[in-house]
Amino acid sequence: MLLQHGADCNMEDHCGQTPLMLAVIAGHEDVAGLLLARHARVDVVDHQRRSALHWAVVYKRVAILNTLISQCPGKSDVLNARDRSNETPLHIAINSNFEPGVKLLLESGAGMILETADQ
């Protein structure tokens, strides 16, 4: 309803999170799809410097991750964005043993440079 009346689907809350990030975190695939159809940006980062891709991996949302990746073809900078801990979505997927996420990210062109701030 709010989107129909011109609400900004990229507006950030006090943590820097957008409605897309919140939909991803909550696992609301349909809402995430609606927001993406209304031009929600996948590349926006919150105060932890995490994008919707990071959050999809943190919460192991395979279907949403696939949808998000489809919104950024050829945008390796989005796939390889590092959060405040210097981790990319691929780092998080590997560290949490999220095999479907690792596979999707690699197939989509995520970089294999695996150094983080801890290494």
PDB file of N, CA and C in Angstrom:
ATOM      1  N   MET A   1       0.818  -1.193   0.000  1.00  0.00           N
ATOM      2  CA  MET A   1       0.000   0.000   0.000  1.00  0.00           C
ATOM      3  C   MET A   1       0.869   1.267   0.000  1.00  0.00           C
ATOM      4  N   LEU A   2       1.863   1.302   0.882  1.00  0.00           N
ATOM      5  CA  LEU A   2       2.722   2.488   0.942  1.00  0.00           C
ATOM      6  C   LEU A   2       3.472   2.707  -0.364  1.00  0.00           C
ATOM      7  N   LEU A   3       3.916   1.600  -0.973  1.00  0.00           N
ATOM      8  CA  LEU A   3       4.647   1.727  -2.235  1.00  0.00           C
ATOM      9  C   LEU A   3       3.768   2.317  -3.329  1.00  0.00           C
ATOM     10  N   GLN A   4       2.486   1.978  -3.294  1.00  0.00           N
ATOM     11  CA  GLN A   4       1.559   2.511  -4.291  1.00  0.00           C
ATOM     12  C   GLN A   4       1.381   4.020  -4.150  1.00  0.00           C
ATOM     13  N   HIS A   5       1.673   4.529  -2.963  1.00  0.00           N
ATOM     14  CA  HIS A   5       1.527   5.966  -2.715  1.00  0.00           C
ATOM     15  C   HIS A   5       2.867   6.694  -2.723  1.00  0.00           C
ATOM     16  N   GLY A   6       3.872   6.054  -3.316  1.00  0.00           N
ATOM     17  CA  GLY A   6       5.147   6.724  -3.531  1.00  0.00           C
ATOM     18  C   GLY A   6       6.165   6.621  -2.417  1.00  0.00           C
ATOM     19  N   ALA A   7       5.975   5.704  -1.473  1.00  0.00           N
ATOM     20  CA  ALA A   7       6.967   5.543  -0.403  1.00  0.00           C
ATOM     21  C   ALA A   7       8.303   5.115  -1.003  1.00  0.00           C
ATOM     22  N   ASP A   8       9.380   5.587  -0.414  1.00  0.00           N
ATOM     23  CA  ASP A   8      10.732   5.268  -0.881  1.00  0.00           C
ATOM     24  C   ASP A   8      11.125   3.882  -0.384  1.00  0.00           C
ATOM     25  N   CYS A   9      11.259   2.927  -1.299  1.00  0.00           N
ATOM     26  CA  CYS A   9      11.582   1.552  -0.896  1.00  0.00           C
ATOM     27  C   CYS A   9      13.059   1.389  -0.545  1.00  0.00           C
ATOM     28  N   ASN A  10      13.836   2.457  -0.647  1.00  0.00           N
ATOM     29  CA  ASN A  10      15.249   2.407  -0.260  1.00  0.00           C
ATOM     30  C   ASN A  10      15.544   3.240   0.993  1.00  0.00           C
ATOM     31  N   MET A  11      14.493   3.710   1.654  1.00  0.00           N
ATOM     32  CA  MET A  11      14.683   4.503   2.874  1.00  0.00           C
ATOM     33  C   MET A  11      15.278   3.619   3.967  1.00  0.00           C
ATOM     34  N   GLU A  12      16.254   4.173   4.671  1.00  0.00           N
ATOM     35  CA  GLU A  12      16.955   3.418   5.712  1.00  0.00           C
ATOM     36  C   GLU A  12      16.388   3.726   7.090  1.00  0.00           C
ATOM     37  N   ASP A  13      16.417   2.716   7.968  1.00  0.00           N
ATOM     38  CA  ASP A  13      16.005   2.917   9.353  1.00  0.00           C
ATOM     39  C   ASP A  13      17.199   3.372  10.195  1.00  0.00           C
ATOM     40  N   HIS A  14      17.066   3.383  11.505  1.00  0.00           N
ATOM     41  CA  HIS A  14      18.127   3.864  12.395  1.00  0.00           C
ATOM     42  C   HIS A  14      19.390   3.007  12.354  1.00  0.00           C
ATOM     43  N   CYS A  15      19.294   1.791  11.820  1.00  0.00           N
ATOM     44  CA  CYS A  15      20.462   0.906  11.669  1.00  0.00           C
ATOM     45  C   CYS A  15      21.012   0.941  10.250  1.00  0.00           C
ATOM     46  N   GLY A  16      20.396   1.766   9.411  1.00  0.00           N
ATOM     47  CA  GLY A  16      20.819   1.847   8.025  1.00  0.00           C
ATOM     48  C   GLY A  16      20.223   0.753   7.158  1.00  0.00           C
ATOM     49  N   GLN A  17      19.265  -0.001   7.711  1.00  0.00           N
ATOM     50  CA  GLN A  17      18.676  -1.100   6.950  1.00  0.00           C
ATOM     51  C   GLN A  17      17.471  -0.621   6.150  1.00  0.00           C
ATOM     52  N   THR A  18      17.366  -1.165   4.957  1.00  0.00           N
ATOM     53  CA  THR A  18      16.274  -0.831   4.053  1.00  0.00           C
ATOM     54  C   THR A  18      15.150  -1.850   4.209  1.00  0.00           C
ATOM     55  N   PRO A  19      13.963  -1.549   3.676  1.00  0.00           N
ATOM     56  CA  PRO A  19      12.891  -2.537   3.697  1.00  0.00           C
ATOM     57  C   PRO A  19      13.305  -3.862   3.040  1.00  0.00           C
ATOM     58  N   LEU A  20      14.134  -3.796   1.993  1.00  0.00           N
ATOM     59  CA  LEU A  20      14.601  -5.028   1.354  1.00  0.00           C
ATOM     60  C   LEU A  20      15.416  -5.862   2.329  1.00  0.00           C
ATOM     61  N   MET A  21      16.328  -5.240   3.038  1.00  0.00           N
ATOM     62  CA  MET A  21      17.129  -5.981   4.021  1.00  0.00           C
ATOM     63  C   MET A  21      16.237  -6.615   5.083  1.00  0.00           C
ATOM     64  N   LEU A  22      15.258  -5.863   5.560  1.00  0.00           N
ATOM     65  CA  LEU A  22      14.362  -6.380   6.595  1.00  0.00           C
ATOM     66  C   LEU A  22      13.523  -7.542   6.071  1.00  0.00           C
ATOM     67  N   ALA A  23      13.087  -7.466   4.819  1.00  0.00           N
ATOM     68  CA  ALA A  23      12.337  -8.573   4.217  1.00  0.00           C
ATOM     69  C   ALA A  23      13.216  -9.811   4.096  1.00  0.00           C
ATOM     70  N   VAL A  24      14.471  -9.614   3.713  1.00  0.00           N
ATOM     71  CA  VAL A  24      15.419 -10.728   3.604  1.00  0.00           C
ATOM     72  C   VAL A  24      15.631 -11.369   4.968  1.00  0.00           C
ATOM     73  N   ILE A  25      15.909 -10.553   5.976  1.00  0.00           N
ATOM     74  CA  ILE A  25      16.160 -11.057   7.324  1.00  0.00           C
ATOM     75  C   ILE A  25      14.965 -11.862   7.827  1.00  0.00           C
ATOM     76  N   ALA A  26      13.753 -11.363   7.580  1.00  0.00           N
ATOM     77  CA  ALA A  26      12.539 -12.034   8.049  1.00  0.00           C
ATOM     78  C   ALA A  26      12.135 -13.218   7.174  1.00  0.00           C
ATOM     79  N   GLY A  27      12.778 -13.373   6.024  1.00  0.00           N
ATOM     80  CA  GLY A  27      12.461 -14.493   5.138  1.00  0.00           C
ATOM     81  C   GLY A  27      11.208 -14.296   4.308  1.00  0.00           C
ATOM     82  N   HIS A  28      10.808 -13.051   4.089  1.00  0.00           N
ATOM     83  CA  HIS A  28       9.605 -12.753   3.313  1.00  0.00           C
ATOM     84  C   HIS A  28       9.958 -12.632   1.829  1.00  0.00           C
ATOM     85  N   GLU A  29       9.982 -13.782   1.149  1.00  0.00           N
ATOM     86  CA  GLU A  29      10.358 -13.810  -0.268  1.00  0.00           C
ATOM     87  C   GLU A  29       9.444 -12.950  -1.125  1.00  0.00           C
ATOM     88  N   ASP A  30       8.140 -13.016  -0.856  1.00  0.00           N
ATOM     89  CA  ASP A  30       7.181 -12.264  -1.663  1.00  0.00           C
ATOM     90  C   ASP A  30       7.377 -10.758  -1.501  1.00  0.00           C
ATOM     91  N   VAL A  31       7.634 -10.316  -0.287  1.00  0.00           N
ATOM     92  CA  VAL A  31       7.865  -8.890  -0.040  1.00  0.00           C
ATOM     93  C   VAL A  31       9.171  -8.449  -0.702  1.00  0.00           C
ATOM     94  N   ALA A  32      10.207  -9.274  -0.590  1.00  0.00           N
ATOM     95  CA  ALA A  32      11.482  -8.952  -1.236  1.00  0.00           C
ATOM     96  C   ALA A  32      11.284  -8.814  -2.744  1.00  0.00           C
ATOM     97  N   GLY A  33      10.527  -9.722  -3.332  1.00  0.00           N
ATOM     98  CA  GLY A  33      10.245  -9.655  -4.766  1.00  0.00           C
ATOM     99  C   GLY A  33       9.495  -8.394  -5.150  1.00  0.00           C
ATOM    100  N   LEU A  34       8.518  -8.017  -4.334  1.00  0.00           N
ATOM    101  CA  LEU A  34       7.755  -6.794  -4.582  1.00  0.00           C
ATOM    102  C   LEU A  34       8.658  -5.565  -4.502  1.00  0.00           C
ATOM    103  N   LEU A  35       9.506  -5.530  -3.497  1.00  0.00           N
ATOM    104  CA  LEU A  35      10.428  -4.399  -3.349  1.00  0.00           C
ATOM    105  C   LEU A  35      11.403  -4.315  -4.522  1.00  0.00           C
ATOM    106  N   LEU A  36      11.905  -5.459  -4.959  1.00  0.00           N
ATOM    107  CA  LEU A  36      12.817  -5.464  -6.110  1.00  0.00           C
ATOM    108  C   LEU A  36      12.105  -4.987  -7.374  1.00  0.00           C
ATOM    109  N   ALA A  37      10.838  -5.366  -7.519  1.00  0.00           N
ATOM    110  CA  ALA A  37      10.058  -4.908  -8.670  1.00  0.00           C
ATOM    111  C   ALA A  37       9.860  -3.394  -8.631  1.00  0.00           C
ATOM    112  N   ARG A  38       9.927  -2.820  -7.435  1.00  0.00           N
ATOM    113  CA  ARG A  38       9.791  -1.368  -7.255  1.00  0.00           C
ATOM    114  C   ARG A  38      11.158  -0.682  -7.187  1.00  0.00           C
ATOM    115  N   HIS A  39      12.178  -1.372  -7.668  1.00  0.00           N
ATOM    116  CA  HIS A  39      13.534  -0.820  -7.789  1.00  0.00           C
ATOM    117  C   HIS A  39      14.282  -0.662  -6.470  1.00  0.00           C
ATOM    118  N   ALA A  40      14.029  -1.563  -5.533  1.00  0.00           N
ATOM    119  CA  ALA A  40      14.849  -1.579  -4.321  1.00  0.00           C
ATOM    120  C   ALA A  40      16.279  -1.899  -4.736  1.00  0.00           C
ATOM    121  N   ARG A  41      17.218  -1.226  -4.120  1.00  0.00           N
ATOM    122  CA  ARG A  41      18.630  -1.386  -4.494  1.00  0.00           C
ATOM    123  C   ARG A  41      19.292  -2.482  -3.670  1.00  0.00           C
ATOM    124  N   VAL A  42      19.933  -3.410  -4.359  1.00  0.00           N
ATOM    125  CA  VAL A  42      20.639  -4.521  -3.722  1.00  0.00           C
ATOM    126  C   VAL A  42      21.983  -4.054  -3.165  1.00  0.00           C
ATOM    127  N   ASP A  43      22.525  -2.983  -3.708  1.00  0.00           N
ATOM    128  CA  ASP A  43      23.875  -2.540  -3.340  1.00  0.00           C
ATOM    129  C   ASP A  43      23.944  -1.632  -2.110  1.00  0.00           C
ATOM    130  N   VAL A  44      22.825  -1.241  -1.555  1.00  0.00           N
ATOM    131  CA  VAL A  44      22.826  -0.390  -0.360  1.00  0.00           C
ATOM    132  C   VAL A  44      23.366  -1.189   0.821  1.00  0.00           C
ATOM    133  N   VAL A  45      24.176  -0.541   1.658  1.00  0.00           N
ATOM    134  CA  VAL A  45      24.712  -1.213   2.847  1.00  0.00           C
ATOM    135  C   VAL A  45      24.242  -0.496   4.111  1.00  0.00           C
ATOM    136  N   ASP A  46      24.117  -1.264   5.178  1.00  0.00           N
ATOM    137  CA  ASP A  46      23.678  -0.715   6.459  1.00  0.00           C
ATOM    138  C   ASP A  46      24.881  -0.250   7.280  1.00  0.00           C
ATOM    139  N   HIS A  47      24.672   0.030   8.554  1.00  0.00           N
ATOM    140  CA  HIS A  47      25.757   0.535   9.396  1.00  0.00           C
ATOM    141  C   HIS A  47      26.846  -0.503   9.649  1.00  0.00           C
ATOM    142  N   GLN A  48      26.528  -1.781   9.415  1.00  0.00           N
ATOM    143  CA  GLN A  48      27.547  -2.834   9.505  1.00  0.00           C
ATOM    144  C   GLN A  48      28.222  -3.049   8.154  1.00  0.00           C
ATOM    145  N   ARG A  49      27.852  -2.206   7.186  1.00  0.00           N
ATOM    146  CA  ARG A  49      28.307  -2.292   5.797  1.00  0.00           C
ATOM    147  C   ARG A  49      27.862  -3.600   5.151  1.00  0.00           C
ATOM    148  N   ARG A  50      26.736  -4.139   5.598  1.00  0.00           N
ATOM    149  CA  ARG A  50      26.180  -5.351   4.995  1.00  0.00           C
ATOM    150  C   ARG A  50      25.045  -4.985   4.047  1.00  0.00           C
ATOM    151  N   SER A  51      25.037  -5.670   2.908  1.00  0.00           N
ATOM    152  CA  SER A  51      23.977  -5.492   1.922  1.00  0.00           C
ATOM    153  C   SER A  51      22.914  -6.571   2.129  1.00  0.00           C
ATOM    154  N   ALA A  52      21.869  -6.506   1.333  1.00  0.00           N
ATOM    155  CA  ALA A  52      20.839  -7.547   1.377  1.00  0.00           C
ATOM    156  C   ALA A  52      21.455  -8.913   1.062  1.00  0.00           C
ATOM    157  N   LEU A  53      22.486  -8.942   0.206  1.00  0.00           N
ATOM    158  CA  LEU A  53      23.174 -10.207  -0.096  1.00  0.00           C
ATOM    159  C   LEU A  53      23.822 -10.787   1.156  1.00  0.00           C
ATOM    160  N   HIS A  54      24.498  -9.949   1.927  1.00  0.00           N
ATOM    161  CA  HIS A  54      25.105 -10.421   3.176  1.00  0.00           C
ATOM    162  C   HIS A  54      24.036 -11.040   4.078  1.00  0.00           C
ATOM    163  N   TRP A  55      22.918 -10.318   4.227  1.00  0.00           N
ATOM    164  CA  TRP A  55      21.867 -10.793   5.133  1.00  0.00           C
ATOM    165  C   TRP A  55      21.215 -12.073   4.628  1.00  0.00           C
ATOM    166  N   ALA A  56      21.062 -12.216   3.320  1.00  0.00           N
ATOM    167  CA  ALA A  56      20.502 -13.458   2.774  1.00  0.00           C
ATOM    168  C   ALA A  56      21.397 -14.639   3.115  1.00  0.00           C
ATOM    169  N   VAL A  57      22.704 -14.420   3.108  1.00  0.00           N
ATOM    170  CA  VAL A  57      23.651 -15.484   3.448  1.00  0.00           C
ATOM    171  C   VAL A  57      23.646 -15.743   4.954  1.00  0.00           C
ATOM    172  N   VAL A  58      23.651 -14.689   5.757  1.00  0.00           N
ATOM    173  CA  VAL A  58      23.641 -14.853   7.219  1.00  0.00           C
ATOM    174  C   VAL A  58      22.459 -15.721   7.651  1.00  0.00           C
ATOM    175  N   TYR A  59      21.284 -15.467   7.059  1.00  0.00           N
ATOM    176  CA  TYR A  59      20.075 -16.199   7.444  1.00  0.00           C
ATOM    177  C   TYR A  59      19.775 -17.395   6.540  1.00  0.00           C
ATOM    178  N   LYS A  60      20.717 -17.704   5.649  1.00  0.00           N
ATOM    179  CA  LYS A  60      20.630 -18.877   4.764  1.00  0.00           C
ATOM    180  C   LYS A  60      19.324 -18.916   3.965  1.00  0.00           C
ATOM    181  N   ARG A  61      19.014 -17.806   3.338  1.00  0.00           N
ATOM    182  CA  ARG A  61      17.805 -17.665   2.518  1.00  0.00           C
ATOM    183  C   ARG A  61      18.156 -17.953   1.056  1.00  0.00           C
ATOM    184  N   VAL A  62      18.138 -19.221   0.683  1.00  0.00           N
ATOM    185  CA  VAL A  62      18.585 -19.642  -0.652  1.00  0.00           C
ATOM    186  C   VAL A  62      17.770 -18.987  -1.764  1.00  0.00           C
ATOM    187  N   ALA A  63      16.451 -19.079  -1.685  1.00  0.00           N
ATOM    188  CA  ALA A  63      15.609 -18.541  -2.760  1.00  0.00           C
ATOM    189  C   ALA A  63      15.790 -17.030  -2.894  1.00  0.00           C
ATOM    190  N   ILE A  64      15.825 -16.338  -1.766  1.00  0.00           N
ATOM    191  CA  ILE A  64      16.000 -14.884  -1.813  1.00  0.00           C
ATOM    192  C   ILE A  64      17.392 -14.534  -2.333  1.00  0.00           C
ATOM    193  N   LEU A  65      18.393 -15.283  -1.917  1.00  0.00           N
ATOM    194  CA  LEU A  65      19.753 -15.046  -2.407  1.00  0.00           C
ATOM    195  C   LEU A  65      19.794 -15.173  -3.922  1.00  0.00           C
ATOM    196  N   ASN A  66      19.157 -16.187  -4.445  1.00  0.00           N
ATOM    197  CA  ASN A  66      19.108 -16.392  -5.894  1.00  0.00           C
ATOM    198  C   ASN A  66      18.436 -15.201  -6.583  1.00  0.00           C
ATOM    199  N   THR A  67      17.341 -14.733  -6.017  1.00  0.00           N
ATOM    200  CA  THR A  67      16.639 -13.577  -6.583  1.00  0.00           C
ATOM    201  C   THR A  67      17.511 -12.330  -6.536  1.00  0.00           C
ATOM    202  N   LEU A  68      18.173 -12.107  -5.413  1.00  0.00           N
ATOM    203  CA  LEU A  68      19.045 -10.932  -5.283  1.00  0.00           C
ATOM    204  C   LEU A  68      20.189 -10.982  -6.292  1.00  0.00           C
ATOM    205  N   ILE A  69      20.799 -12.152  -6.424  1.00  0.00           N
ATOM    206  CA  ILE A  69      21.907 -12.305  -7.374  1.00  0.00           C
ATOM    207  C   ILE A  69      21.440 -12.014  -8.795  1.00  0.00           C
ATOM    208  N   SER A  70      20.215 -12.428  -9.111  1.00  0.00           N
ATOM    209  CA  SER A  70      19.703 -12.184 -10.467  1.00  0.00           C
ATOM    210  C   SER A  70      19.537 -10.692 -10.750  1.00  0.00           C
ATOM    211  N   GLN A  71      19.478  -9.881  -9.699  1.00  0.00           N
ATOM    212  CA  GLN A  71      19.335  -8.431  -9.852  1.00  0.00           C
ATOM    213  C   GLN A  71      20.671  -7.719 -10.062  1.00  0.00           C
ATOM    214  N   CYS A  72      21.771  -8.458  -9.947  1.00  0.00           N
ATOM    215  CA  CYS A  72      23.076  -7.792 -10.103  1.00  0.00           C
ATOM    216  C   CYS A  72      24.008  -8.568 -11.025  1.00  0.00           C
ATOM    217  N   PRO A  73      23.541  -8.904 -12.254  1.00  0.00           N
ATOM    218  CA  PRO A  73      24.437  -9.584 -13.185  1.00  0.00           C
ATOM    219  C   PRO A  73      25.584  -8.672 -13.596  1.00  0.00           C
ATOM    220  N   GLY A  74      26.771  -9.230 -13.592  1.00  0.00           N
ATOM    221  CA  GLY A  74      27.943  -8.464 -13.987  1.00  0.00           C
ATOM    222  C   GLY A  74      28.384  -7.427 -12.976  1.00  0.00           C
ATOM    223  N   LYS A  75      27.803  -7.437 -11.808  1.00  0.00           N
ATOM    224  CA  LYS A  75      28.165  -6.457 -10.776  1.00  0.00           C
ATOM    225  C   LYS A  75      28.980  -7.138  -9.689  1.00  0.00           C
ATOM    226  N   SER A  76      30.199  -7.486 -10.011  1.00  0.00           N
ATOM    227  CA  SER A  76      31.033  -8.197  -9.044  1.00  0.00           C
ATOM    228  C   SER A  76      31.313  -7.349  -7.814  1.00  0.00           C
ATOM    229  N   ASP A  77      31.252  -6.020  -7.950  1.00  0.00           N
ATOM    230  CA  ASP A  77      31.468  -5.171  -6.780  1.00  0.00           C
ATOM    231  C   ASP A  77      30.383  -5.395  -5.729  1.00  0.00           C
ATOM    232  N   VAL A  78      29.170  -5.684  -6.150  1.00  0.00           N
ATOM    233  CA  VAL A  78      28.081  -5.972  -5.215  1.00  0.00           C
ATOM    234  C   VAL A  78      28.284  -7.355  -4.602  1.00  0.00           C
ATOM    235  N   LEU A  79      28.622  -8.336  -5.429  1.00  0.00           N
ATOM    236  CA  LEU A  79      28.848  -9.703  -4.934  1.00  0.00           C
ATOM    237  C   LEU A  79      30.041  -9.773  -3.995  1.00  0.00           C
ATOM    238  N   ASN A  80      31.018  -8.914  -4.204  1.00  0.00           N
ATOM    239  CA  ASN A  80      32.258  -8.968  -3.425  1.00  0.00           C
ATOM    240  C   ASN A  80      32.379  -7.850  -2.392  1.00  0.00           C
ATOM    241  N   ALA A  81      31.282  -7.177  -2.106  1.00  0.00           N
ATOM    242  CA  ALA A  81      31.313  -6.097  -1.115  1.00  0.00           C
ATOM    243  C   ALA A  81      31.678  -6.660   0.254  1.00  0.00           C
ATOM    244  N   ARG A  82      32.510  -5.911   0.963  1.00  0.00           N
ATOM    245  CA  ARG A  82      32.972  -6.346   2.290  1.00  0.00           C
ATOM    246  C   ARG A  82      32.248  -5.569   3.384  1.00  0.00           C
ATOM    247  N   ASP A  83      31.866  -6.301   4.417  1.00  0.00           N
ATOM    248  CA  ASP A  83      31.191  -5.667   5.546  1.00  0.00           C
ATOM    249  C   ASP A  83      32.213  -5.083   6.519  1.00  0.00           C
ATOM    250  N   ARG A  84      31.758  -4.619   7.655  1.00  0.00           N
ATOM    251  CA  ARG A  84      32.636  -3.984   8.643  1.00  0.00           C
ATOM    252  C   ARG A  84      33.716  -4.942   9.150  1.00  0.00           C
ATOM    253  N   SER A  85      33.440  -6.255   9.088  1.00  0.00           N
ATOM    254  CA  SER A  85      34.426  -7.271   9.491  1.00  0.00           C
ATOM    255  C   SER A  85      35.312  -7.689   8.330  1.00  0.00           C
ATOM    256  N   ASN A  86      35.172  -6.994   7.194  1.00  0.00           N
ATOM    257  CA  ASN A  86      35.946  -7.264   5.983  1.00  0.00           C
ATOM    258  C   ASN A  86      35.542  -8.578   5.317  1.00  0.00           C
ATOM    259  N   GLU A  87      34.317  -9.027   5.567  1.00  0.00           N
ATOM    260  CA  GLU A  87      33.844 -10.281   4.977  1.00  0.00           C
ATOM    261  C   GLU A  87      32.877 -10.014   3.826  1.00  0.00           C
ATOM    262  N   THR A  88      33.029 -10.795   2.777  1.00  0.00           N
ATOM    263  CA  THR A  88      32.104 -10.768   1.654  1.00  0.00           C
ATOM    264  C   THR A  88      30.984 -11.767   1.944  1.00  0.00           C
ATOM    265  N   PRO A  89      29.902 -11.736   1.160  1.00  0.00           N
ATOM    266  CA  PRO A  89      28.888 -12.776   1.325  1.00  0.00           C
ATOM    267  C   PRO A  89      29.483 -14.187   1.187  1.00  0.00           C
ATOM    268  N   LEU A  90      30.462 -14.351   0.305  1.00  0.00           N
ATOM    269  CA  LEU A  90      31.092 -15.669   0.147  1.00  0.00           C
ATOM    270  C   LEU A  90      31.816 -16.095   1.420  1.00  0.00           C
ATOM    271  N   HIS A  91      32.541 -15.187   2.060  1.00  0.00           N
ATOM    272  CA  HIS A  91      33.210 -15.515   3.328  1.00  0.00           C
ATOM    273  C   HIS A  91      32.195 -16.033   4.341  1.00  0.00           C
ATOM    274  N   ILE A  92      31.088 -15.300   4.466  1.00  0.00           N
ATOM    275  CA  ILE A  92      30.063 -15.666   5.444  1.00  0.00           C
ATOM    276  C   ILE A  92      29.472 -17.026   5.106  1.00  0.00           C
ATOM    277  N   ALA A  93      29.202 -17.266   3.828  1.00  0.00           N
ATOM    278  CA  ALA A  93      28.637 -18.552   3.409  1.00  0.00           C
ATOM    279  C   ALA A  93      29.586 -19.701   3.731  1.00  0.00           C
ATOM    280  N   ILE A  94      30.863 -19.508   3.468  1.00  0.00           N
ATOM    281  CA  ILE A  94      31.854 -20.555   3.754  1.00  0.00           C
ATOM    282  C   ILE A  94      31.967 -20.783   5.258  1.00  0.00           C
ATOM    283  N   ASN A  95      32.088 -19.702   6.022  1.00  0.00           N
ATOM    284  CA  ASN A  95      32.258 -19.824   7.471  1.00  0.00           C
ATOM    285  C   ASN A  95      31.052 -20.435   8.172  1.00  0.00           C
ATOM    286  N   SER A  96      29.874 -20.279   7.590  1.00  0.00           N
ATOM    287  CA  SER A  96      28.667 -20.839   8.207  1.00  0.00           C
ATOM    288  C   SER A  96      28.238 -22.157   7.565  1.00  0.00           C
ATOM    289  N   ASN A  97      29.092 -22.692   6.687  1.00  0.00           N
ATOM    290  CA  ASN A  97      28.812 -23.968   6.021  1.00  0.00           C
ATOM    291  C   ASN A  97      27.492 -23.923   5.242  1.00  0.00           C
ATOM    292  N   PHE A  98      27.242 -22.803   4.591  1.00  0.00           N
ATOM    293  CA  PHE A  98      26.036 -22.601   3.791  1.00  0.00           C
ATOM    294  C   PHE A  98      26.354 -22.987   2.347  1.00  0.00           C
ATOM    295  N   GLU A  99      26.403 -24.290   2.101  1.00  0.00           N
ATOM    296  CA  GLU A  99      26.845 -24.821   0.810  1.00  0.00           C
ATOM    297  C   GLU A  99      26.037 -24.304  -0.379  1.00  0.00           C
ATOM    298  N   PRO A 100      24.687 -24.279  -0.319  1.00  0.00           N
ATOM    299  CA  PRO A 100      23.953 -23.742  -1.474  1.00  0.00           C
ATOM    300  C   PRO A 100      24.312 -22.281  -1.767  1.00  0.00           C
ATOM    301  N   GLY A 101      24.571 -21.515  -0.715  1.00  0.00           N
ATOM    302  CA  GLY A 101      24.967 -20.121  -0.900  1.00  0.00           C
ATOM    303  C   GLY A 101      26.336 -20.003  -1.530  1.00  0.00           C
ATOM    304  N   VAL A 102      27.270 -20.839  -1.083  1.00  0.00           N
ATOM    305  CA  VAL A 102      28.616 -20.846  -1.664  1.00  0.00           C
ATOM    306  C   VAL A 102      28.515 -21.142  -3.156  1.00  0.00           C
ATOM    307  N   LYS A 103      27.746 -22.157  -3.491  1.00  0.00           N
ATOM    308  CA  LYS A 103      27.601 -22.559  -4.897  1.00  0.00           C
ATOM    309  C   LYS A 103      26.999 -21.423  -5.734  1.00  0.00           C
ATOM    310  N   LEU A 104      25.914 -20.836  -5.257  1.00  0.00           N
ATOM    311  CA  LEU A 104      25.271 -19.738  -5.992  1.00  0.00           C
ATOM    312  C   LEU A 104      26.219 -18.559  -6.193  1.00  0.00           C
ATOM    313  N   LEU A 105      26.911 -18.189  -5.144  1.00  0.00           N
ATOM    314  CA  LEU A 105      27.818 -17.042  -5.227  1.00  0.00           C
ATOM    315  C   LEU A 105      28.969 -17.302  -6.194  1.00  0.00           C
ATOM    316  N   LEU A 106      29.551 -18.489  -6.121  1.00  0.00           N
ATOM    317  CA  LEU A 106      30.655 -18.812  -7.034  1.00  0.00           C
ATOM    318  C   LEU A 106      30.182 -18.862  -8.479  1.00  0.00           C
ATOM    319  N   GLU A 107      29.027 -19.471  -8.712  1.00  0.00           N
ATOM    320  CA  GLU A 107      28.480 -19.553 -10.069  1.00  0.00           C
ATOM    321  C   GLU A 107      28.154 -18.168 -10.629  1.00  0.00           C
ATOM    322  N   SER A 108      27.916 -17.222  -9.743  1.00  0.00           N
ATOM    323  CA  SER A 108      27.539 -15.870 -10.162  1.00  0.00           C
ATOM    324  C   SER A 108      28.717 -14.917 -10.273  1.00  0.00           C
ATOM    325  N   GLY A 109      29.911 -15.414  -9.990  1.00  0.00           N
ATOM    326  CA  GLY A 109      31.100 -14.596 -10.176  1.00  0.00           C
ATOM    327  C   GLY A 109      31.693 -13.984  -8.928  1.00  0.00           C
ATOM    328  N   ALA A 110      31.282 -14.452  -7.755  1.00  0.00           N
ATOM    329  CA  ALA A 110      31.897 -13.938  -6.527  1.00  0.00           C
ATOM    330  C   ALA A 110      33.380 -14.276  -6.536  1.00  0.00           C
ATOM    331  N   GLY A 111      34.186 -13.344  -6.048  1.00  0.00           N
ATOM    332  CA  GLY A 111      35.634 -13.522  -6.055  1.00  0.00           C
ATOM    333  C   GLY A 111      36.103 -14.562  -5.065  1.00  0.00           C
ATOM    334  N   MET A 112      37.231 -15.168  -5.389  1.00  0.00           N
ATOM    335  CA  MET A 112      37.803 -16.225  -4.550  1.00  0.00           C
ATOM    336  C   MET A 112      38.869 -15.713  -3.586  1.00  0.00           C
ATOM    337  N   ILE A 113      39.097 -14.409  -3.509  1.00  0.00           N
ATOM    338  CA  ILE A 113      40.073 -13.877  -2.558  1.00  0.00           C
ATOM    339  C   ILE A 113      39.448 -13.983  -1.178  1.00  0.00           C
ATOM    340  N   LEU A 114      40.041 -14.814  -0.334  1.00  0.00           N
ATOM    341  CA  LEU A 114      39.399 -15.144   0.927  1.00  0.00           C
ATOM    342  C   LEU A 114      40.043 -14.528   2.155  1.00  0.00           C
ATOM    343  N   GLU A 115      40.945 -13.567   1.988  1.00  0.00           N
ATOM    344  CA  GLU A 115      41.532 -12.929   3.158  1.00  0.00           C
ATOM    345  C   GLU A 115      40.494 -12.045   3.832  1.00  0.00           C
ATOM    346  N   THR A 116      40.447 -12.116   5.154  1.00  0.00           N
ATOM    347  CA  THR A 116      39.590 -11.233   5.934  1.00  0.00           C
ATOM    348  C   THR A 116      40.471 -10.466   6.904  1.00  0.00           C
ATOM    349  N   ALA A 117      39.882  -9.637   7.709  1.00  0.00           N
ATOM    350  CA  ALA A 117      40.640  -8.844   8.675  1.00  0.00           C
ATOM    351  C   ALA A 117      41.347  -9.730   9.688  1.00  0.00           C
ATOM    352  N   ASP A 118      40.828 -10.935   9.932  1.00  0.00           N
ATOM    353  CA  ASP A 118      41.413 -11.853  10.909  1.00  0.00           C
ATOM    354  C   ASP A 118      42.615 -12.603  10.369  1.00  0.00           C
ATOM    355  N   GLN A 119      42.839 -12.550   9.051  1.00  0.00           N
ATOM    356  CA  GLN A 119      43.906 -13.361   8.463  1.00  0.00           C
ATOM    357  C   GLN A 119      45.131 -12.535   8.189  1.00  0.00           C
TER     358      GLN A 119
END
